[in-house]
Amino acid sequence: MLRALTIAAEGSKSDIAKPMKGFGPGVYEIALAYRSDAYRTIYAVKLGEDIWVVHAFQKKSTKGTKTPKREIDLIRSRIGQLKRQLR
């Protein structure tokens, strides 16, 4: 994950980063599997000049790859807060 974030900070996109659907341009998800667990990091690159990691979590759902609604709501809230603070 650190390597993917470093690549983003350098102005590129890692092969393991994908656009996070429903959040518009500039919001990406990094998904990694480790042993039997899944981890996600969500970052935004088009908020000011910086890379902002808005959420990182261990995915605990055993039903498919869909991100749980409570995580989506938290991500949306944090991105909204960042946008307001950076105005």
Protein backbone atom coordinates (compact mmCIF):
# COMPACT_ATOMS: atom_id res chain seq x y z
CA MET A 1 0.00 0.00 0.00
CA LEU A 2 2.79 2.39 0.83
CA ARG A 3 4.29 1.95 -2.63
CA ALA A 4 0.94 2.70 -4.31
CA LEU A 5 0.53 5.87 -2.23
CA THR A 6 4.10 6.92 -3.01
CA ILE A 7 3.40 6.52 -6.73
CA ALA A 8 0.27 8.68 -6.33
CA ALA A 9 2.27 11.35 -4.47
CA GLU A 10 4.72 11.39 -7.40
CA GLY A 11 1.84 12.15 -9.80
CA SER A 12 1.13 8.72 -11.26
CA LYS A 13 -1.28 5.89 -10.53
CA SER A 14 -0.24 2.48 -9.29
CA ASP A 15 -1.46 -0.61 -11.11
CA ILE A 16 -3.25 -1.73 -7.94
CA ALA A 17 -5.18 1.55 -7.53
CA LYS A 18 -8.59 1.78 -9.16
CA PRO A 19 -11.16 4.57 -9.30
CA MET A 20 -13.65 4.42 -6.43
CA LYS A 21 -17.08 4.31 -8.10
CA GLY A 22 -19.62 6.91 -7.08
CA PHE A 23 -17.15 9.54 -5.85
CA GLY A 24 -16.20 11.31 -9.06
CA PRO A 25 -12.72 11.81 -10.48
CA GLY A 26 -9.64 11.73 -8.30
CA VAL A 27 -10.81 9.27 -5.64
CA TYR A 28 -9.08 5.89 -5.73
CA GLU A 29 -9.16 2.61 -3.86
CA ILE A 30 -6.24 0.32 -3.14
CA ALA A 31 -7.34 -3.21 -2.27
CA LEU A 32 -4.92 -5.78 -0.90
CA ALA A 33 -5.37 -9.33 0.26
CA TYR A 34 -3.18 -10.55 3.09
CA ARG A 35 -3.52 -14.14 4.20
CA SER A 36 -7.27 -14.65 4.48
CA ASP A 37 -8.08 -10.96 5.08
CA ALA A 38 -8.82 -8.05 2.74
CA TYR A 39 -7.71 -4.47 3.33
CA ARG A 40 -8.78 -1.24 1.63
CA THR A 41 -7.31 2.24 1.54
CA ILE A 42 -9.21 5.12 -0.05
CA TYR A 43 -7.33 8.21 -1.15
CA ALA A 44 -8.13 11.40 -3.03
CA VAL A 45 -5.63 13.12 -5.30
CA LYS A 46 -7.54 16.15 -6.58
CA LEU A 47 -8.07 18.00 -3.33
CA GLY A 48 -5.58 20.81 -3.34
CA GLU A 49 -1.96 19.86 -4.02
CA ASP A 50 -1.78 16.95 -1.60
CA ILE A 51 -2.65 13.28 -1.43
CA TRP A 52 -5.26 12.69 1.25
CA VAL A 53 -5.85 9.23 2.70
CA VAL A 54 -9.46 9.51 3.77
CA HIS A 55 -10.03 5.99 5.09
CA ALA A 56 -8.30 2.66 5.56
CA PHE A 57 -9.99 -0.45 6.89
CA GLN A 58 -10.03 -4.22 7.03
CA LYS A 59 -12.94 -5.54 5.03
CA LYS A 60 -14.76 -7.98 7.25
CA SER A 61 -17.76 -8.84 5.11
CA THR A 62 -17.77 -12.37 3.80
CA LYS A 63 -20.26 -11.49 1.05
CA GLY A 64 -18.45 -10.60 -2.16
CA THR A 65 -16.16 -7.65 -2.81
CA LYS A 66 -18.65 -4.83 -2.29
CA THR A 67 -17.59 -2.14 0.18
CA PRO A 68 -20.07 -2.01 3.10
CA LYS A 69 -22.48 0.96 3.18
CA ARG A 70 -21.18 2.22 6.55
CA GLU A 71 -17.68 2.49 5.03
CA ILE A 72 -19.03 4.29 1.93
CA ASP A 73 -20.93 6.75 4.15
CA LEU A 74 -17.80 7.45 6.23
CA ILE A 75 -15.67 7.99 3.11
CA ARG A 76 -18.28 10.35 1.61
CA SER A 77 -18.44 12.32 4.88
CA ARG A 78 -14.66 12.66 5.13
CA ILE A 79 -14.28 13.77 1.51
CA GLY A 80 -17.00 16.38 2.10
CA GLN A 81 -15.19 17.64 5.21
CA LEU A 82 -11.90 17.88 3.32
CA LYS A 83 -13.49 19.83 0.46
CA ARG A 84 -15.03 22.31 2.91
CA GLN A 85 -11.74 22.76 4.79
CA LEU A 86 -9.71 23.28 1.61
CA ARG A 87 -11.91 26.03 0.14
